[in-house]
């Protein structure tokens, strides 16, 4: 049953802290059939599922996979994570056995301006304070493993540099899980001979680390260690790559990640089991939770709901062409999240005017939703459109969106899970089950492995972004050819660009066509096994805003955290 409603509005953290949590051991046993000896508890309400137990599930059949994605993001908000939680609660509400898989939040955005990643209102995973802060320490383990490799590189150079690393061509930066613009570019090893050779370096945020991407794509601990060993950390003066395994770093790095790789089990406000595990940066990685968590959940539940970062053009495309390709999984249904407010912004309405009915702007903005529906069909996937309800939405506006979706051959359903929990998304759940039962979704990858790297970029740009062409300097094309000659030509590509538009111009709302995509830079993630094509300016170490969320976060005399969303 949904959580009891409150008469007065409450913040997400108030709702979370007022919830009556059940011991995670009980959730695991009753909802998933996992015995206590297969869990490593982190207090009463969080636990890791042992990797030995995960391995024991190998022969079980898979449940159905539901991917939650969205229209192109706007400042008006769409509510993708909230929908993921609410939909899973709703599936259980209508009598299905369901669980969800989400990414772990990064501390940087939690103390910055983005907010947490635990859902909202009465569609949350709990304990939200723990999830949004240190949780089970996975991100700290990833930070430590990454920086161990950084230390070993400089140590190797200091003690004679037997591998012949060119200190000007060290490509492995350092990381920390906090927004800190002052560390974007640094000079390290200052202070004389005892401290080594001074060189330029810098920090990225932990979620941007290739270790994080590897962590989320690895199938088990051995696969993780192999991938860590394949990380290219530097080049010699002869431009030959130096890998982590050349420094004998991968074993120690894997040791630091041994506990972290086990998926984290928590619950929703309604007692639905949830895996929250891993969180690669959606800009320069695939932006979804770990393969281990998703594939394990599919063995434990009949329906598994997960989400991908950003809108469908970036998030769903990477989920499919990178994660599904590598893990051998396929969604049985896609849920496209939209709001009337956001669609009006895509139609040209300013944020301050969103509460006014504007059917003309809404009709123009629906082009963005239509493009995403069409794109999902290019992958062979059928969609359900979930319209997150806002109080200012008018009947005429809702009818316009529903009629437009009907013409596209998809069902659009109003959802009110933020206020009502699972009951508020029951109609969405029924629509999703209907699509799954139809069996119409048959996944098609956008390109085969054998397609040349630059052509993979062009395929995504023209088919998904509707670009007219892709351009790149000769140096970029030459670099891609070099990687192909090195044996990396079959890797998928991960395009890094603005999430706010199908183009590389964040102000181009709606569904722009015939634009040009320029590939400014390419990076090889040899351990994660994808090539990053950077289109536009991408920040891998965010900064804090003028008034960060940290200003309002506090802890009272009883140890209760306040001000966290």
Protein backbone atom coordinates (compact mmCIF):
# COMPACT_ATOMS: atom_id res chain seq x y z
CA UNK A 1 0.00 0.00 0.00
CA UNK A 2 1.19 3.56 -0.63
CA UNK A 3 2.71 5.50 2.20
CA UNK A 4 0.14 7.53 4.16
CA UNK A 5 -0.24 10.98 2.59
CA UNK A 6 0.44 14.19 4.50
CA UNK A 7 -1.85 17.19 4.39
CA UNK A 8 0.98 19.70 4.22
CA UNK A 9 3.83 19.55 1.68
CA UNK A 10 7.00 18.04 3.01
CA UNK A 11 10.52 17.87 1.63
CA UNK A 12 11.91 14.63 0.27
CA UNK A 13 14.09 14.15 3.33
CA UNK A 14 11.14 14.73 5.67
CA UNK A 15 9.14 12.05 3.86
CA UNK A 16 12.09 9.69 3.91
CA UNK A 17 12.84 10.15 7.59
CA UNK A 18 9.17 9.72 8.54
CA UNK A 19 8.95 6.40 6.70
CA UNK A 20 8.80 3.17 8.66
CA UNK A 21 11.73 1.22 7.27
CA UNK A 22 11.80 -2.55 7.38
CA UNK A 23 15.00 -4.46 8.20
CA UNK A 24 16.80 -5.14 4.92
CA UNK A 25 17.25 -8.79 5.93
CA UNK A 26 13.44 -9.15 5.96
CA UNK A 27 13.08 -7.43 2.57
CA UNK A 28 15.74 -9.72 1.07
CA UNK A 29 14.17 -12.90 2.45
CA UNK A 30 10.49 -12.11 1.85
CA UNK A 31 10.70 -10.30 -1.49
CA UNK A 32 13.72 -11.95 -3.15
CA UNK A 33 14.30 -15.23 -1.31
CA UNK A 34 17.83 -14.26 -0.28
CA UNK A 35 18.88 -15.83 3.03
CA UNK A 36 20.76 -13.80 5.66
CA UNK A 37 24.02 -15.73 5.13
CA UNK A 38 24.16 -14.35 1.57
CA UNK A 39 24.09 -10.74 2.73
CA UNK A 40 26.72 -8.43 4.19
CA UNK A 41 24.69 -5.89 6.21
CA UNK A 42 25.69 -2.23 6.49
CA UNK A 43 23.53 -1.41 9.48
CA UNK A 44 19.85 -2.37 9.54
CA UNK A 45 18.66 -0.98 6.20
CA UNK A 46 21.47 -1.53 3.69
CA UNK A 47 23.28 -4.69 2.63
CA UNK A 48 25.52 -6.07 -0.07
CA UNK A 49 24.55 -9.31 -1.79
CA UNK A 50 27.54 -11.64 -1.80
CA UNK A 51 29.19 -12.37 -5.14
CA UNK A 52 29.11 -16.10 -4.36
CA UNK A 53 25.33 -15.88 -4.21
CA UNK A 54 25.27 -13.81 -7.40
CA UNK A 55 27.23 -16.57 -9.16
CA UNK A 56 24.78 -19.20 -7.88
CA UNK A 57 21.95 -17.54 -9.84
CA UNK A 58 23.56 -18.17 -13.23
CA UNK A 59 21.15 -20.91 -14.31
CA UNK A 60 17.94 -19.06 -13.45
CA UNK A 61 15.78 -17.54 -16.22
CA UNK A 62 15.76 -13.77 -16.71
CA UNK A 63 12.86 -11.51 -15.81
CA UNK A 64 11.61 -8.75 -18.11
CA UNK A 65 13.69 -5.57 -18.35
CA UNK A 66 12.10 -2.11 -18.46
CA UNK A 67 14.21 0.91 -19.40
CA UNK A 68 13.10 4.31 -18.10
CA UNK A 69 14.40 7.22 -20.15
CA UNK A 70 13.10 10.68 -20.99
CA UNK A 71 12.71 13.55 -23.40
CA UNK A 72 15.67 15.93 -23.70
CA UNK A 73 16.22 17.45 -20.21
CA UNK A 74 15.04 20.97 -19.39
CA UNK A 75 15.17 23.20 -16.29
CA UNK A 76 11.47 22.41 -15.87
CA UNK A 77 12.32 18.88 -14.79
CA UNK A 78 11.11 15.51 -16.01
CA UNK A 79 11.36 13.16 -13.01
CA UNK A 80 13.04 10.10 -14.47
CA UNK A 81 14.38 8.57 -11.25
CA UNK A 82 11.12 9.28 -9.44
CA UNK A 83 9.29 7.48 -12.26
CA UNK A 84 11.67 4.53 -12.05
CA UNK A 85 10.87 4.14 -8.35
CA UNK A 86 7.15 4.85 -8.71
CA UNK A 87 6.74 2.46 -11.63
CA UNK A 88 8.43 -0.39 -9.76
CA UNK A 89 6.20 0.20 -6.74
CA UNK A 90 3.25 0.30 -9.13
CA UNK A 91 4.15 -3.04 -10.70
CA UNK A 92 4.12 -4.58 -7.22
CA UNK A 93 0.86 -2.72 -6.49
CA UNK A 94 -0.84 -4.49 -9.44
CA UNK A 95 0.45 -7.87 -8.30
CA UNK A 96 3.74 -8.31 -10.13
CA UNK A 97 7.11 -9.26 -8.63
CA UNK A 98 9.33 -6.31 -9.43
CA UNK A 99 12.52 -4.62 -8.29
CA UNK A 100 14.55 -1.67 -9.53
CA UNK A 101 18.17 -0.80 -10.32
CA UNK A 102 19.57 2.72 -10.00
CA UNK A 103 22.91 4.49 -10.05
CA UNK A 104 24.57 5.64 -6.84
CA UNK A 105 24.62 9.43 -6.41
CA UNK A 106 27.87 11.36 -6.42
CA UNK A 107 28.75 13.59 -3.46
CA UNK A 108 29.69 16.43 -5.80
CA UNK A 109 26.19 17.12 -7.17
CA UNK A 110 24.65 16.38 -3.75
CA UNK A 111 26.55 19.32 -2.26
CA UNK A 112 26.36 21.35 -5.47
CA UNK A 113 23.11 22.12 -7.25
CA UNK A 114 21.77 19.01 -8.98
CA UNK A 115 20.41 17.34 -5.89
CA UNK A 116 20.33 13.65 -5.05
CA UNK A 117 19.37 10.59 -7.02
CA UNK A 118 17.00 8.74 -4.73
CA UNK A 119 13.71 9.76 -6.32
CA UNK A 120 11.31 12.20 -4.72
CA UNK A 121 8.06 12.66 -2.88
CA UNK A 122 6.44 9.31 -2.18
CA UNK A 123 8.48 7.54 -4.85
CA UNK A 124 11.86 7.30 -3.11
CA UNK A 125 14.49 4.76 -2.20
CA UNK A 126 15.53 4.84 1.43
CA UNK A 127 17.46 5.63 3.57
CA UNK A 128 17.90 8.61 1.25
CA UNK A 129 20.47 10.42 3.42
CA UNK A 130 22.78 7.39 3.37
CA UNK A 131 22.26 6.78 -0.35
CA UNK A 132 23.03 10.42 -1.21
CA UNK A 133 26.07 10.63 1.06
CA UNK A 134 28.64 7.88 1.78
CA UNK A 135 26.24 4.92 1.30
CA UNK A 136 28.33 1.69 1.48
CA UNK A 137 31.60 3.35 0.49
CA UNK A 138 31.71 2.15 -3.13
CA UNK A 139 32.71 5.55 -4.50
CA UNK A 140 35.46 5.91 -1.92
CA UNK A 141 36.82 2.50 -2.96
CA UNK A 142 36.75 3.54 -6.63
CA UNK A 143 38.48 6.83 -5.77
CA UNK A 144 41.17 4.95 -3.86
CA UNK A 145 41.74 2.41 -6.65
CA UNK A 146 42.02 5.19 -9.22
CA UNK A 147 44.44 7.26 -7.16
CA UNK A 148 46.52 4.20 -6.30
CA UNK A 149 47.18 3.87 -10.01
CA UNK A 150 48.06 7.59 -10.19
CA UNK A 151 50.55 7.15 -7.36
CA UNK A 152 52.11 4.08 -8.96
CA UNK A 153 52.66 5.94 -12.23
CA UNK A 154 54.57 8.77 -10.58
CA UNK A 155 56.42 6.32 -8.35
CA UNK A 156 57.53 4.31 -11.38
CA UNK A 157 58.86 7.43 -13.09
CA UNK A 158 60.65 8.49 -9.90
CA UNK A 159 62.46 5.15 -9.47
CA UNK A 160 64.10 5.04 -12.87
CA UNK A 161 61.16 4.80 -15.32
CA UNK A 162 61.99 1.35 -16.70
CA UNK A 163 58.95 1.47 -18.98
CA UNK A 164 60.15 4.69 -20.61
CA UNK A 165 56.99 6.68 -19.80
CA UNK A 166 57.03 10.14 -21.36
CA UNK A 167 56.00 12.32 -18.41
CA UNK A 168 54.44 14.75 -20.91
CA UNK A 169 52.15 11.97 -22.13
CA UNK A 170 50.71 10.69 -18.85
CA UNK A 171 46.98 10.59 -19.61
CA UNK A 172 45.83 9.23 -16.23
CA UNK A 173 44.59 12.06 -14.00
CA UNK A 174 43.56 11.94 -10.35
CA UNK A 175 39.99 11.96 -9.02
CA UNK A 176 37.92 12.95 -6.01
CA UNK A 177 34.18 12.67 -5.37
CA UNK A 178 33.50 16.38 -4.99
CA UNK A 179 33.00 19.38 -7.24
CA UNK A 180 36.29 21.30 -6.93
CA UNK A 181 37.13 23.56 -9.87
CA UNK A 182 40.48 24.59 -8.32
CA UNK A 183 41.81 21.08 -9.01
CA UNK A 184 40.89 20.87 -12.69
CA UNK A 185 44.43 21.65 -13.78
CA UNK A 186 47.41 21.38 -11.42
CA UNK A 187 51.19 21.03 -11.42
CA UNK A 188 52.36 18.14 -9.27
CA UNK A 189 55.68 16.82 -7.92
CA UNK A 190 56.93 20.25 -6.90
CA UNK A 191 59.43 20.67 -4.06
CA UNK A 192 62.74 19.44 -5.39
CA UNK A 193 64.43 16.19 -6.34
CA UNK A 194 62.94 14.20 -3.45
CA UNK A 195 59.43 14.70 -4.82
CA UNK A 196 60.06 13.69 -8.42
CA UNK A 197 59.73 15.41 -11.76
CA UNK A 198 57.27 18.34 -11.92
CA UNK A 199 54.56 17.86 -14.53
CA UNK A 200 51.10 19.10 -15.39
CA UNK A 201 48.21 17.01 -14.12
CA UNK A 202 44.65 17.48 -12.90
CA UNK A 203 41.60 16.04 -11.19
CA UNK A 204 38.30 14.72 -12.52
CA UNK A 205 35.26 13.89 -10.42
CA UNK A 206 35.19 10.22 -9.39
CA UNK A 207 32.19 9.35 -11.55
CA UNK A 208 34.24 10.38 -14.61
CA UNK A 209 36.97 7.85 -13.81
CA UNK A 210 37.47 4.99 -16.22
CA UNK A 211 37.62 2.80 -13.12
CA UNK A 212 33.96 3.71 -12.52
CA UNK A 213 33.02 2.78 -16.09
CA UNK A 214 34.90 -0.50 -15.77
CA UNK A 215 33.29 -1.18 -12.40
CA UNK A 216 29.85 -0.82 -13.99
CA UNK A 217 30.57 -2.95 -17.08
CA UNK A 218 32.52 -5.79 -15.44
CA UNK A 219 30.66 -9.09 -15.12
CA UNK A 220 32.59 -10.31 -12.06
CA UNK A 221 35.76 -9.70 -10.05
CA UNK A 222 38.04 -11.46 -12.55
CA UNK A 223 36.60 -9.49 -15.46
CA UNK A 224 37.06 -6.33 -13.39
CA UNK A 225 40.74 -7.11 -12.78
CA UNK A 226 41.36 -7.88 -16.45
CA UNK A 227 39.75 -4.62 -17.54
CA UNK A 228 41.70 -2.63 -14.95
CA UNK A 229 44.92 -4.09 -16.31
CA UNK A 230 44.01 -2.91 -19.82
CA UNK A 231 43.71 0.76 -18.85
CA UNK A 232 46.13 2.89 -20.89
CA UNK A 233 47.75 5.32 -18.46
CA UNK A 234 50.53 6.89 -20.52
CA UNK A 235 52.62 6.68 -23.68
CA UNK A 236 56.33 6.39 -24.29
CA UNK A 237 58.31 8.84 -26.41
CA UNK A 238 57.75 6.39 -29.26
CA UNK A 239 53.98 6.73 -28.69
CA UNK A 240 53.63 3.16 -27.44
CA UNK A 241 50.87 2.69 -24.83
CA UNK A 242 51.66 1.87 -21.22
CA UNK A 243 48.92 -0.04 -19.41
CA UNK A 244 48.06 -0.48 -15.75
CA UNK A 245 49.14 -4.12 -15.93
CA UNK A 246 52.59 -3.01 -17.10
CA UNK A 247 52.88 -1.33 -13.69
CA UNK A 248 51.46 -4.43 -11.92
CA UNK A 249 48.72 -2.15 -10.60
CA UNK A 250 45.58 -4.08 -11.53
CA UNK A 251 45.78 -6.68 -8.76
CA UNK A 252 46.03 -4.13 -5.97
CA UNK A 253 43.29 -2.01 -7.57
CA UNK A 254 41.00 -5.04 -7.74
CA UNK A 255 41.75 -5.79 -4.10
CA UNK A 256 40.44 -2.34 -3.16
CA UNK A 257 37.25 -3.05 -5.14
CA UNK A 258 36.66 -6.61 -3.94
CA UNK A 259 33.82 -5.66 -1.58
CA UNK A 260 32.49 -2.77 -3.64
CA UNK A 261 31.63 -4.90 -6.69
CA UNK A 262 28.87 -6.69 -4.77
CA UNK A 263 25.49 -4.97 -5.45
CA UNK A 264 23.87 -2.81 -2.75
CA UNK A 265 20.35 -3.73 -1.63
CA UNK A 266 17.96 -1.14 -0.16
CA UNK A 267 14.19 -0.57 -0.32
CA UNK A 268 11.64 1.96 -1.50
CA UNK A 269 9.18 3.72 0.79
CA UNK A 270 6.77 0.89 -0.02
CA UNK A 271 9.23 -1.90 0.76
CA UNK A 272 10.13 -2.73 -2.83
CA UNK A 273 13.68 -4.13 -3.12
CA UNK A 274 16.17 -1.95 -5.00
CA UNK A 275 19.75 -2.37 -6.15
CA UNK A 276 21.71 0.90 -6.16
CA UNK A 277 25.17 0.25 -7.52
CA UNK A 278 27.76 2.22 -9.48
CA UNK A 279 27.34 5.54 -11.23
CA UNK A 280 29.42 6.37 -14.33
CA UNK A 281 29.37 9.94 -15.61
CA UNK A 282 26.69 10.17 -18.30
CA UNK A 283 28.77 12.69 -20.25
CA UNK A 284 31.84 10.58 -21.03
CA UNK A 285 30.60 7.11 -20.08
CA UNK A 286 27.42 5.08 -20.41
CA UNK A 287 25.61 6.63 -17.42
CA UNK A 288 23.77 3.64 -15.93
CA UNK A 289 24.07 1.30 -12.97
CA UNK A 290 26.31 -1.77 -12.91
CA UNK A 291 25.91 -4.81 -15.13
CA UNK A 292 26.29 -6.97 -12.01
CA UNK A 293 23.28 -5.29 -10.37
CA UNK A 294 21.06 -5.39 -13.46
CA UNK A 295 21.79 -9.00 -14.43
CA UNK A 296 21.41 -10.15 -10.80
CA UNK A 297 18.08 -8.36 -10.47
CA UNK A 298 16.84 -10.08 -13.64
CA UNK A 299 17.43 -13.42 -11.90
CA UNK A 300 15.56 -12.35 -8.77
CA UNK A 301 12.41 -10.63 -10.08
CA UNK A 302 9.90 -11.05 -12.90
CA UNK A 303 10.14 -7.35 -13.80
CA UNK A 304 13.24 -5.18 -13.41
CA UNK A 305 13.04 -1.41 -13.89
CA UNK A 306 16.20 0.59 -14.55
CA UNK A 307 17.10 3.99 -15.97
CA UNK A 308 19.69 5.57 -18.22
CA UNK A 309 21.26 9.02 -17.89
CA UNK A 310 19.93 12.14 -19.65
CA UNK A 311 17.39 11.96 -22.49
CA UNK A 312 16.87 8.95 -24.72
CA UNK A 313 19.20 10.26 -27.46
CA UNK A 314 22.19 10.10 -25.10
CA UNK A 315 21.16 7.85 -22.21
CA UNK A 316 19.09 5.17 -23.93
CA UNK A 317 21.44 5.04 -26.92
CA UNK A 318 24.44 4.40 -24.67
CA UNK A 319 22.48 1.95 -22.52
CA UNK A 320 21.68 -0.06 -25.65
CA UNK A 321 24.81 0.31 -27.77
CA UNK A 322 27.28 -0.05 -24.88
CA UNK A 323 25.68 -1.77 -21.87
CA UNK A 324 23.24 -4.09 -23.67
CA UNK A 325 25.85 -4.93 -26.30
CA UNK A 326 28.41 -5.87 -23.63
CA UNK A 327 26.06 -7.58 -21.16
CA UNK A 328 23.86 -9.45 -23.63
CA UNK A 329 20.62 -8.00 -22.23
CA UNK A 330 17.69 -6.28 -23.94
CA UNK A 331 14.79 -4.09 -22.74
CA UNK A 332 11.29 -5.50 -23.20
CA UNK A 333 9.72 -2.06 -22.95
CA UNK A 334 10.85 1.57 -22.80
CA UNK A 335 9.15 4.20 -20.63
CA UNK A 336 9.63 7.72 -21.95
CA UNK A 337 9.15 10.27 -19.18
CA UNK A 338 7.79 13.70 -20.08
CA UNK A 339 6.09 16.62 -18.39
CA UNK A 340 3.75 19.17 -19.90
CA UNK A 341 6.04 21.86 -18.47
CA UNK A 342 9.15 20.49 -20.17
CA UNK A 343 7.39 20.01 -23.50
CA UNK A 344 6.27 23.65 -23.40
CA UNK A 345 9.88 24.69 -22.80
CA UNK A 346 10.85 22.73 -25.90
CA UNK A 347 8.17 24.76 -27.64
CA UNK A 348 9.75 28.05 -26.61
CA UNK A 349 8.04 28.94 -23.32
CA UNK A 350 10.19 30.57 -20.63
CA UNK A 351 10.41 28.89 -17.24
CA UNK A 352 8.54 31.70 -15.47
CA UNK A 353 5.57 31.30 -17.85
CA UNK A 354 5.15 27.53 -17.62
CA UNK A 355 2.04 27.64 -15.41
CA UNK A 356 0.03 29.33 -18.18
CA UNK A 357 -1.80 27.14 -20.69
CA UNK A 358 -0.09 27.34 -24.09
CA UNK A 359 -1.33 24.74 -26.55
CA UNK A 360 0.61 26.18 -29.48
CA UNK A 361 3.95 25.95 -27.67
CA UNK A 362 3.05 22.51 -26.34
CA UNK A 363 2.30 21.26 -29.83
CA UNK A 364 5.67 22.56 -31.02
CA UNK A 365 7.46 20.96 -28.07
CA UNK A 366 5.84 17.57 -28.65
CA UNK A 367 8.24 17.24 -31.60
CA UNK A 368 10.96 16.40 -29.07
CA UNK A 369 8.89 13.57 -27.59
CA UNK A 370 7.99 12.33 -31.06
CA UNK A 371 11.68 12.18 -32.03
CA UNK A 372 12.50 10.03 -29.00
CA UNK A 373 9.62 7.63 -29.72
CA UNK A 374 10.83 7.27 -33.31
CA UNK A 375 14.40 6.69 -32.12
CA UNK A 376 13.37 3.90 -29.77
CA UNK A 377 11.69 2.16 -32.69
CA UNK A 378 14.96 2.35 -34.59
CA UNK A 379 16.26 0.08 -31.83
CA UNK A 380 13.24 -2.18 -32.27
CA UNK A 381 11.74 -1.11 -28.93
CA UNK A 382 8.16 -0.16 -28.11
CA UNK A 383 7.48 2.68 -25.67
CA UNK A 384 4.97 3.88 -23.12
CA UNK A 385 4.91 7.62 -22.42
CA UNK A 386 4.60 8.52 -18.73
CA UNK A 387 3.39 12.07 -18.18
CA UNK A 388 4.39 13.25 -14.73
CA UNK A 389 1.48 15.33 -13.46
CA UNK A 390 1.89 18.92 -12.25
CA UNK A 391 -0.92 20.92 -10.67
CA UNK A 392 -0.81 23.57 -13.42
CA UNK A 393 -1.38 21.05 -16.23
CA UNK A 394 -4.74 21.68 -17.91
CA UNK A 395 -7.10 19.06 -19.33
CA UNK A 396 -6.64 20.51 -22.80
CA UNK A 397 -2.84 20.21 -22.54
CA UNK A 398 -3.01 16.61 -21.33
CA UNK A 399 -5.46 15.72 -24.11
CA UNK A 400 -3.15 17.26 -26.72
CA UNK A 401 -0.19 15.10 -25.61
CA UNK A 402 -2.32 11.96 -25.44
CA UNK A 403 -3.74 12.56 -28.92
CA UNK A 404 -0.27 13.19 -30.36
CA UNK A 405 1.01 9.95 -28.82
CA UNK A 406 -1.99 8.03 -30.10
CA UNK A 407 -1.12 9.15 -33.63
CA UNK A 408 2.39 7.80 -33.02
CA UNK A 409 0.95 4.46 -31.96
CA UNK A 410 2.06 4.71 -28.32
CA UNK A 411 0.03 5.07 -25.15
CA UNK A 412 0.52 8.16 -23.01
CA UNK A 413 -0.49 7.74 -19.37
CA UNK A 414 -0.77 10.30 -16.58
CA UNK A 415 1.25 9.43 -13.49
CA UNK A 416 1.07 10.87 -9.98
CA UNK A 417 3.54 8.69 -8.10
CA UNK A 418 5.30 11.72 -6.56
CA UNK A 419 2.18 12.37 -4.48
CA UNK A 420 0.61 8.91 -4.32
CA UNK A 421 3.46 6.39 -4.51
CA UNK A 422 2.95 3.20 -6.50
CA UNK A 423 -0.82 3.63 -6.71
CA UNK A 424 -0.27 6.85 -8.64
CA UNK A 425 1.61 5.00 -11.42
CA UNK A 426 -0.62 1.92 -11.59
CA UNK A 427 -1.97 2.83 -15.04
CA UNK A 428 1.58 3.23 -16.34
CA UNK A 429 2.44 -0.19 -14.93
CA UNK A 430 -0.54 -1.78 -16.67
CA UNK A 431 0.42 -0.14 -19.96
CA UNK A 432 4.00 -1.39 -19.59
CA UNK A 433 2.86 -4.97 -18.89
CA UNK A 434 0.61 -4.77 -21.96
CA UNK A 435 3.54 -3.78 -24.18
CA UNK A 436 5.74 -6.52 -22.70
CA UNK A 437 3.05 -9.16 -23.17
CA UNK A 438 2.68 -8.12 -26.82
CA UNK A 439 6.27 -9.21 -27.43
CA UNK A 440 6.76 -6.44 -29.99
CA UNK A 441 10.10 -5.22 -28.63
CA UNK A 442 12.97 -6.94 -30.44
CA UNK A 443 16.26 -5.16 -29.77
CA UNK A 444 18.34 -4.04 -32.74
CA UNK A 445 21.73 -2.49 -32.12
CA UNK A 446 22.30 0.68 -34.11
CA UNK A 447 25.52 -0.53 -35.73
CA UNK A 448 27.55 -3.76 -35.90
CA UNK A 449 30.91 -4.10 -34.15
CA UNK A 450 32.73 -4.16 -37.49
CA UNK A 451 31.66 -0.63 -38.50
CA UNK A 452 34.69 1.73 -38.54
CA UNK A 453 34.86 4.03 -35.50
CA UNK A 454 34.19 7.30 -37.32
CA UNK A 455 31.28 5.71 -39.18
CA UNK A 456 29.83 4.63 -35.82
CA UNK A 457 29.86 8.26 -34.72
CA UNK A 458 28.25 9.29 -38.00
CA UNK A 459 25.56 6.62 -37.66
CA UNK A 460 24.55 7.85 -34.21
CA UNK A 461 24.65 11.50 -35.29
CA UNK A 462 22.56 11.05 -38.41
CA UNK A 463 20.14 8.37 -37.22
CA UNK A 464 19.54 9.53 -33.63
CA UNK A 465 20.45 13.24 -33.60
CA UNK A 466 19.25 13.82 -37.22
CA UNK A 467 22.46 15.65 -38.05
CA UNK A 468 23.29 16.36 -41.67
CA UNK A 469 26.94 15.47 -41.29
CA UNK A 470 29.81 14.84 -38.89
CA UNK A 471 33.09 16.72 -39.14
CA UNK A 472 36.47 16.25 -37.47
CA UNK A 473 40.02 17.45 -37.91
CA UNK A 474 42.50 15.17 -39.64
CA UNK A 475 44.22 14.54 -36.31
CA UNK A 476 40.99 13.11 -34.85
CA UNK A 477 40.40 10.84 -37.84
CA UNK A 478 44.02 9.73 -37.81
CA UNK A 479 43.78 8.89 -34.11
CA UNK A 480 40.71 6.71 -34.73
CA UNK A 481 42.52 4.89 -37.55
CA UNK A 482 45.49 4.31 -35.26
CA UNK A 483 43.24 2.76 -32.63
CA UNK A 484 41.67 0.56 -35.27
CA UNK A 485 45.13 -0.65 -36.27
CA UNK A 486 45.83 -1.36 -32.58
CA UNK A 487 42.78 -3.66 -32.43
CA UNK A 488 40.22 -1.30 -30.90
CA UNK A 489 38.10 -0.88 -34.04
CA UNK A 490 35.27 -3.12 -32.82
CA UNK A 491 34.61 -1.06 -29.70
CA UNK A 492 31.35 0.91 -29.41
CA UNK A 493 31.49 4.69 -29.31
CA UNK A 494 30.30 6.92 -26.48
CA UNK A 495 29.40 10.40 -27.67
CA UNK A 496 29.94 13.23 -25.20
CA UNK A 497 27.84 16.30 -25.95
CA UNK A 498 25.21 18.55 -24.41
CA UNK A 499 22.21 16.68 -23.05
CA UNK A 500 19.83 19.59 -23.65
CA UNK A 501 19.45 19.24 -27.40
CA UNK A 502 19.70 16.74 -30.24
CA UNK A 503 22.33 19.12 -31.62
CA UNK A 504 25.50 20.38 -29.94
CA UNK A 505 23.79 23.72 -29.27
CA UNK A 506 22.08 23.49 -25.85
CA UNK A 507 19.65 26.26 -26.83
CA UNK A 508 18.29 24.37 -29.86
CA UNK A 509 15.15 22.91 -28.29
CA UNK A 510 12.50 20.72 -29.84
CA UNK A 511 13.69 18.49 -32.67
CA UNK A 512 16.36 20.27 -34.73
CA UNK A 513 17.47 18.70 -38.02
CA UNK A 514 20.30 19.08 -40.54
CA UNK A 515 22.82 20.42 -38.03
CA UNK A 516 26.53 19.58 -38.11
CA UNK A 517 28.17 17.54 -35.35
CA UNK A 518 31.86 18.30 -34.91
CA UNK A 519 34.06 15.79 -33.10
CA UNK A 520 36.53 17.95 -31.24
CA UNK A 521 38.49 15.21 -29.49
CA UNK A 522 38.50 11.44 -29.05
CA UNK A 523 39.59 9.41 -26.02
CA UNK A 524 40.20 5.70 -25.68
CA UNK A 525 38.82 3.85 -22.65
CA UNK A 526 40.67 0.62 -23.31
CA UNK A 527 39.64 -1.02 -20.03
CA UNK A 528 35.98 -0.03 -20.23
CA UNK A 529 36.12 -0.97 -23.91
CA UNK A 530 34.61 2.04 -25.63
CA UNK A 531 35.84 5.11 -27.51
CA UNK A 532 34.67 8.54 -26.38
CA UNK A 533 33.91 11.11 -29.09
CA UNK A 534 33.79 14.59 -27.53
CA UNK A 535 31.52 17.03 -29.34
CA UNK A 536 31.62 20.46 -27.71
CA UNK A 537 32.93 21.43 -24.30
CA UNK A 538 32.61 18.69 -21.69
CA UNK A 539 33.49 19.33 -18.04
CA UNK A 540 34.89 16.32 -16.15
CA UNK A 541 35.36 18.25 -12.91
CA UNK A 542 32.28 20.37 -12.18
CA UNK A 543 32.39 23.43 -9.98
CA UNK A 544 30.09 24.47 -7.15
CA UNK A 545 27.46 27.18 -7.82
CA UNK A 546 27.47 30.56 -6.09
CA UNK A 547 25.06 29.21 -3.48
CA UNK A 548 25.71 25.44 -3.25
CA UNK A 549 23.35 22.97 -1.63
CA UNK A 550 26.02 22.52 1.04
CA UNK A 551 24.89 25.88 2.49
CA UNK A 552 21.64 24.33 3.71
CA UNK A 553 22.82 20.86 4.72
CA UNK A 554 23.35 20.38 8.44
CA UNK A 555 23.06 17.86 11.26
CA UNK A 556 21.09 18.58 14.43
CA UNK A 557 21.91 17.71 18.04
CA UNK A 558 20.23 14.30 17.70
CA UNK A 559 22.35 13.44 14.66
CA UNK A 560 19.49 13.96 12.20
CA UNK A 561 20.58 15.29 8.81
CA UNK A 562 18.56 18.28 7.60
CA UNK A 563 18.48 20.35 4.42
CA UNK A 564 19.32 17.45 2.08
CA UNK A 565 16.65 18.11 -0.59
